[in-house]
Amino acid sequence: MTLQNNHSAQTSPSFATPVLVGAGIALLVILFFVLGADTPSAYGDYWMIRPLIVTPLAGATGGAFYAFMMYQSTRGFNKALAILLSVLVYLVGLWLGIVLGLDGTMWD
């Protein structure tokens, strides 16, 4: 009879998961603003391309920061502080991504 250790090793999710979630949330937020707006006359039909690229990139960066902070929390950083800092950085980054995406296209 052999003794088996059934200790499940706690594995962190891959780096891509928080990045994709962050980009997806940012895409949904910018779609709310872009699809509810009329087409600005000076920019034509393709004015939405910039906000739909810049804002999800900012959200993905916030998700990457979250993944980095979760990695740091496994190395001894306070987990509650890591989550709080990650949410704050994500919200500020999302706000800046929306402003940078819409500046010059929807906001003139």
N, C-alpha and C. Protein backbone atom coordinates (compact mmCIF):
# COMPACT_ATOMS: atom_id res chain seq x y z
N MET A 1 0.84 -1.15 0.00
CA MET A 1 0.00 0.00 0.00
C MET A 1 0.90 1.24 0.00
N THR A 2 0.61 2.14 -0.89
CA THR A 2 1.42 3.35 -0.97
C THR A 2 0.60 4.53 -0.48
N LEU A 3 1.30 5.44 0.08
CA LEU A 3 0.68 6.65 0.60
C LEU A 3 0.74 7.74 -0.48
N GLN A 4 -0.37 8.35 -0.76
CA GLN A 4 -0.40 9.38 -1.79
C GLN A 4 -0.71 10.72 -1.14
N ASN A 5 0.02 11.71 -1.56
CA ASN A 5 -0.26 13.06 -1.11
C ASN A 5 -1.19 13.72 -2.12
N ASN A 6 -2.34 14.05 -1.66
CA ASN A 6 -3.32 14.70 -2.53
C ASN A 6 -3.39 16.19 -2.26
N HIS A 7 -2.24 16.76 -2.01
CA HIS A 7 -2.21 18.21 -1.82
C HIS A 7 -2.29 18.87 -3.17
N SER A 8 -3.30 19.65 -3.33
CA SER A 8 -3.41 20.35 -4.61
C SER A 8 -2.54 21.59 -4.55
N ALA A 9 -1.67 21.69 -5.49
CA ALA A 9 -0.79 22.86 -5.56
C ALA A 9 -1.61 24.04 -6.05
N GLN A 10 -1.50 25.12 -5.33
CA GLN A 10 -2.25 26.30 -5.72
C GLN A 10 -1.51 26.98 -6.87
N THR A 11 -2.13 26.93 -8.02
CA THR A 11 -1.52 27.56 -9.18
C THR A 11 -2.23 28.86 -9.48
N SER A 12 -1.47 29.83 -9.87
CA SER A 12 -2.07 31.10 -10.23
C SER A 12 -2.57 31.02 -11.67
N PRO A 13 -3.61 31.76 -11.97
CA PRO A 13 -4.09 31.75 -13.36
C PRO A 13 -3.02 32.32 -14.28
N SER A 14 -3.12 31.99 -15.52
CA SER A 14 -2.10 32.46 -16.47
C SER A 14 -2.14 33.98 -16.56
N PHE A 15 -1.07 34.51 -17.09
CA PHE A 15 -0.95 35.96 -17.23
C PHE A 15 -1.99 36.50 -18.21
N ALA A 16 -2.38 35.71 -19.18
CA ALA A 16 -3.28 36.18 -20.22
C ALA A 16 -4.71 36.37 -19.72
N THR A 17 -5.11 35.63 -18.71
CA THR A 17 -6.50 35.71 -18.24
C THR A 17 -6.86 37.10 -17.71
N PRO A 18 -6.12 37.69 -16.76
CA PRO A 18 -6.49 39.04 -16.31
C PRO A 18 -6.33 40.09 -17.40
N VAL A 19 -5.39 39.89 -18.31
CA VAL A 19 -5.20 40.84 -19.41
C VAL A 19 -6.43 40.84 -20.31
N LEU A 20 -6.91 39.65 -20.66
CA LEU A 20 -8.09 39.56 -21.52
C LEU A 20 -9.36 40.05 -20.83
N VAL A 21 -9.48 39.77 -19.54
CA VAL A 21 -10.65 40.26 -18.79
C VAL A 21 -10.62 41.79 -18.72
N GLY A 22 -9.45 42.35 -18.44
CA GLY A 22 -9.33 43.81 -18.39
C GLY A 22 -9.65 44.46 -19.72
N ALA A 23 -9.16 43.87 -20.80
CA ALA A 23 -9.45 44.42 -22.13
C ALA A 23 -10.93 44.26 -22.48
N GLY A 24 -11.54 43.15 -22.08
CA GLY A 24 -12.96 42.93 -22.37
C GLY A 24 -13.86 43.91 -21.64
N ILE A 25 -13.55 44.18 -20.38
CA ILE A 25 -14.34 45.16 -19.62
C ILE A 25 -14.19 46.55 -20.25
N ALA A 26 -12.97 46.91 -20.61
CA ALA A 26 -12.73 48.21 -21.24
C ALA A 26 -13.45 48.32 -22.58
N LEU A 27 -13.47 47.24 -23.34
CA LEU A 27 -14.18 47.25 -24.62
C LEU A 27 -15.68 47.46 -24.42
N LEU A 28 -16.25 46.80 -23.43
CA LEU A 28 -17.68 47.00 -23.16
C LEU A 28 -17.99 48.43 -22.73
N VAL A 29 -17.10 49.02 -21.93
CA VAL A 29 -17.32 50.39 -21.48
C VAL A 29 -17.25 51.36 -22.65
N ILE A 30 -16.26 51.21 -23.51
CA ILE A 30 -16.13 52.15 -24.63
C ILE A 30 -17.22 51.92 -25.68
N LEU A 31 -17.68 50.69 -25.82
CA LEU A 31 -18.80 50.45 -26.73
C LEU A 31 -20.07 51.17 -26.28
N PHE A 32 -20.25 51.27 -24.97
CA PHE A 32 -21.40 52.01 -24.44
C PHE A 32 -21.37 53.46 -24.91
N PHE A 33 -20.19 54.07 -24.89
CA PHE A 33 -20.08 55.46 -25.31
C PHE A 33 -20.12 55.61 -26.84
N VAL A 34 -19.43 54.73 -27.54
CA VAL A 34 -19.30 54.88 -28.99
C VAL A 34 -20.60 54.57 -29.72
N LEU A 35 -21.27 53.50 -29.32
CA LEU A 35 -22.49 53.12 -30.04
C LEU A 35 -23.66 54.05 -29.73
N GLY A 36 -23.59 54.79 -28.65
CA GLY A 36 -24.66 55.73 -28.32
C GLY A 36 -24.48 57.09 -28.93
N ALA A 37 -23.40 57.31 -29.66
CA ALA A 37 -23.11 58.63 -30.21
C ALA A 37 -23.45 58.69 -31.69
N ASP A 38 -23.72 59.89 -32.14
CA ASP A 38 -23.91 60.13 -33.57
C ASP A 38 -22.55 60.23 -34.23
N THR A 39 -22.52 60.04 -35.53
CA THR A 39 -21.27 60.14 -36.27
C THR A 39 -20.86 61.61 -36.38
N PRO A 40 -19.69 61.95 -35.87
CA PRO A 40 -19.23 63.34 -36.05
C PRO A 40 -19.03 63.62 -37.54
N SER A 41 -19.48 64.77 -37.99
CA SER A 41 -19.48 65.05 -39.42
C SER A 41 -18.08 65.20 -40.00
N ALA A 42 -17.12 65.69 -39.25
CA ALA A 42 -15.78 65.95 -39.78
C ALA A 42 -14.95 64.69 -39.92
N TYR A 43 -15.31 63.60 -39.25
CA TYR A 43 -14.45 62.43 -39.20
C TYR A 43 -14.96 61.24 -40.01
N GLY A 44 -16.15 61.29 -40.48
CA GLY A 44 -16.68 60.20 -41.28
C GLY A 44 -17.08 59.00 -40.43
N ASP A 45 -17.17 57.86 -41.09
CA ASP A 45 -17.67 56.67 -40.42
C ASP A 45 -16.61 55.94 -39.61
N TYR A 46 -15.34 56.25 -39.82
CA TYR A 46 -14.27 55.50 -39.18
C TYR A 46 -13.72 56.17 -37.92
N TRP A 47 -14.43 57.11 -37.35
CA TRP A 47 -13.95 57.81 -36.17
C TRP A 47 -13.87 56.89 -34.95
N MET A 48 -14.62 55.78 -34.97
CA MET A 48 -14.67 54.89 -33.81
C MET A 48 -13.44 54.00 -33.67
N ILE A 49 -12.62 53.92 -34.68
CA ILE A 49 -11.49 52.98 -34.64
C ILE A 49 -10.52 53.32 -33.52
N ARG A 50 -10.19 54.59 -33.37
CA ARG A 50 -9.23 54.97 -32.33
C ARG A 50 -9.72 54.62 -30.93
N PRO A 51 -10.94 55.00 -30.53
CA PRO A 51 -11.37 54.63 -29.17
C PRO A 51 -11.48 53.13 -28.97
N LEU A 52 -11.85 52.39 -30.02
CA LEU A 52 -11.99 50.95 -29.88
C LEU A 52 -10.66 50.22 -29.84
N ILE A 53 -9.57 50.90 -30.13
CA ILE A 53 -8.24 50.31 -30.00
C ILE A 53 -7.56 50.78 -28.72
N VAL A 54 -7.60 52.08 -28.45
CA VAL A 54 -6.85 52.65 -27.33
C VAL A 54 -7.42 52.21 -25.99
N THR A 55 -8.72 52.22 -25.83
CA THR A 55 -9.32 51.91 -24.53
C THR A 55 -9.12 50.45 -24.13
N PRO A 56 -9.33 49.46 -25.00
CA PRO A 56 -9.02 48.09 -24.59
C PRO A 56 -7.53 47.86 -24.29
N LEU A 57 -6.65 48.59 -24.98
CA LEU A 57 -5.23 48.48 -24.65
C LEU A 57 -4.95 49.00 -23.24
N ALA A 58 -5.62 50.07 -22.86
CA ALA A 58 -5.47 50.58 -21.49
C ALA A 58 -6.04 49.58 -20.48
N GLY A 59 -7.16 48.95 -20.81
CA GLY A 59 -7.73 47.93 -19.94
C GLY A 59 -6.84 46.71 -19.82
N ALA A 60 -6.21 46.32 -20.91
CA ALA A 60 -5.29 45.19 -20.88
C ALA A 60 -4.07 45.51 -20.03
N THR A 61 -3.61 46.74 -20.07
CA THR A 61 -2.49 47.15 -19.23
C THR A 61 -2.87 47.09 -17.76
N GLY A 62 -4.09 47.51 -17.45
CA GLY A 62 -4.57 47.39 -16.07
C GLY A 62 -4.68 45.94 -15.63
N GLY A 63 -5.11 45.07 -16.52
CA GLY A 63 -5.17 43.64 -16.22
C GLY A 63 -3.79 43.04 -16.02
N ALA A 64 -2.81 43.52 -16.79
CA ALA A 64 -1.43 43.05 -16.62
C ALA A 64 -0.88 43.51 -15.27
N PHE A 65 -1.24 44.72 -14.86
CA PHE A 65 -0.81 45.19 -13.54
C PHE A 65 -1.44 44.34 -12.44
N TYR A 66 -2.70 43.96 -12.62
CA TYR A 66 -3.35 43.08 -11.65
C TYR A 66 -2.62 41.74 -11.56
N ALA A 67 -2.26 41.17 -12.70
CA ALA A 67 -1.54 39.89 -12.70
C ALA A 67 -0.19 40.03 -12.01
N PHE A 68 0.48 41.14 -12.24
CA PHE A 68 1.76 41.38 -11.58
C PHE A 68 1.59 41.50 -10.07
N MET A 69 0.55 42.20 -9.63
CA MET A 69 0.34 42.37 -8.20
C MET A 69 -0.07 41.05 -7.54
N MET A 70 -0.81 40.22 -8.24
CA MET A 70 -1.14 38.90 -7.68
C MET A 70 0.10 38.04 -7.57
N TYR A 71 1.00 38.17 -8.51
CA TYR A 71 2.28 37.46 -8.41
C TYR A 71 3.06 37.96 -7.20
N GLN A 72 3.05 39.27 -7.00
CA GLN A 72 3.76 39.83 -5.85
C GLN A 72 3.12 39.41 -4.53
N SER A 73 1.81 39.22 -4.53
CA SER A 73 1.15 38.80 -3.29
C SER A 73 1.51 37.37 -2.91
N THR A 74 1.85 36.54 -3.90
CA THR A 74 2.31 35.19 -3.58
C THR A 74 3.73 35.21 -3.05
N ARG A 75 4.44 36.29 -3.26
CA ARG A 75 5.81 36.40 -2.79
C ARG A 75 5.92 37.18 -1.49
N GLY A 76 4.79 37.48 -0.85
CA GLY A 76 4.83 38.11 0.47
C GLY A 76 4.19 39.47 0.57
N PHE A 77 3.77 40.05 -0.55
CA PHE A 77 3.10 41.35 -0.50
C PHE A 77 1.69 41.16 0.06
N ASN A 78 1.18 42.13 0.78
CA ASN A 78 -0.15 42.06 1.38
C ASN A 78 -1.20 41.93 0.27
N LYS A 79 -1.99 40.86 0.31
CA LYS A 79 -2.94 40.57 -0.77
C LYS A 79 -4.06 41.61 -0.84
N ALA A 80 -4.57 42.05 0.30
CA ALA A 80 -5.65 43.04 0.29
C ALA A 80 -5.15 44.36 -0.31
N LEU A 81 -3.94 44.74 0.05
CA LEU A 81 -3.36 45.96 -0.51
C LEU A 81 -3.10 45.80 -2.00
N ALA A 82 -2.69 44.62 -2.43
CA ALA A 82 -2.45 44.37 -3.85
C ALA A 82 -3.74 44.49 -4.66
N ILE A 83 -4.83 43.95 -4.14
CA ILE A 83 -6.11 44.03 -4.85
C ILE A 83 -6.60 45.47 -4.89
N LEU A 84 -6.50 46.18 -3.77
CA LEU A 84 -6.94 47.58 -3.73
C LEU A 84 -6.13 48.44 -4.69
N LEU A 85 -4.82 48.25 -4.70
CA LEU A 85 -3.97 49.01 -5.61
C LEU A 85 -4.25 48.65 -7.06
N SER A 86 -4.51 47.38 -7.33
CA SER A 86 -4.82 46.94 -8.69
C SER A 86 -6.12 47.56 -9.21
N VAL A 87 -7.14 47.59 -8.37
CA VAL A 87 -8.42 48.18 -8.77
C VAL A 87 -8.25 49.67 -9.02
N LEU A 88 -7.51 50.34 -8.15
CA LEU A 88 -7.29 51.77 -8.33
C LEU A 88 -6.52 52.06 -9.62
N VAL A 89 -5.47 51.32 -9.88
CA VAL A 89 -4.69 51.51 -11.11
C VAL A 89 -5.54 51.18 -12.34
N TYR A 90 -6.36 50.14 -12.26
CA TYR A 90 -7.22 49.79 -13.40
C TYR A 90 -8.23 50.90 -13.69
N LEU A 91 -8.87 51.44 -12.66
CA LEU A 91 -9.87 52.48 -12.89
C LEU A 91 -9.24 53.76 -13.45
N VAL A 92 -8.09 54.14 -12.93
CA VAL A 92 -7.42 55.33 -13.45
C VAL A 92 -6.96 55.08 -14.89
N GLY A 93 -6.43 53.90 -15.16
CA GLY A 93 -6.01 53.57 -16.52
C GLY A 93 -7.17 53.51 -17.49
N LEU A 94 -8.30 52.98 -17.04
CA LEU A 94 -9.49 52.94 -17.89
C LEU A 94 -9.98 54.35 -18.20
N TRP A 95 -9.99 55.20 -17.19
CA TRP A 95 -10.40 56.59 -17.38
C TRP A 95 -9.48 57.28 -18.38
N LEU A 96 -8.17 57.11 -18.22
CA LEU A 96 -7.22 57.73 -19.15
C LEU A 96 -7.36 57.14 -20.55
N GLY A 97 -7.64 55.85 -20.66
CA GLY A 97 -7.84 55.23 -21.96
C GLY A 97 -9.06 55.77 -22.67
N ILE A 98 -10.13 56.01 -21.92
CA ILE A 98 -11.34 56.59 -22.51
C ILE A 98 -11.07 58.01 -22.99
N VAL A 99 -10.38 58.79 -22.16
CA VAL A 99 -10.08 60.18 -22.55
C VAL A 99 -9.17 60.20 -23.76
N LEU A 100 -8.11 59.38 -23.77
CA LEU A 100 -7.20 59.37 -24.92
C LEU A 100 -7.87 58.83 -26.18
N GLY A 101 -8.78 57.89 -26.02
CA GLY A 101 -9.46 57.33 -27.18
C GLY A 101 -10.47 58.27 -27.80
N LEU A 102 -11.17 59.00 -26.97
CA LEU A 102 -12.22 59.88 -27.48
C LEU A 102 -11.75 61.28 -27.79
N ASP A 103 -10.58 61.67 -27.31
CA ASP A 103 -10.06 63.00 -27.58
C ASP A 103 -9.73 63.14 -29.06
N GLY A 104 -10.27 64.14 -29.67
CA GLY A 104 -10.00 64.39 -31.08
C GLY A 104 -10.92 63.65 -32.02
N THR A 105 -11.71 62.72 -31.52
CA THR A 105 -12.64 62.00 -32.39
C THR A 105 -14.07 62.40 -32.02
N MET A 106 -14.51 61.99 -30.86
CA MET A 106 -15.86 62.34 -30.43
C MET A 106 -15.86 63.68 -29.71
N TRP A 107 -14.77 63.97 -28.98
CA TRP A 107 -14.62 65.25 -28.31
C TRP A 107 -13.66 66.09 -29.13
N ASP A 108 -14.12 67.25 -29.53
CA ASP A 108 -13.26 68.08 -30.36
C ASP A 108 -12.81 69.30 -29.62
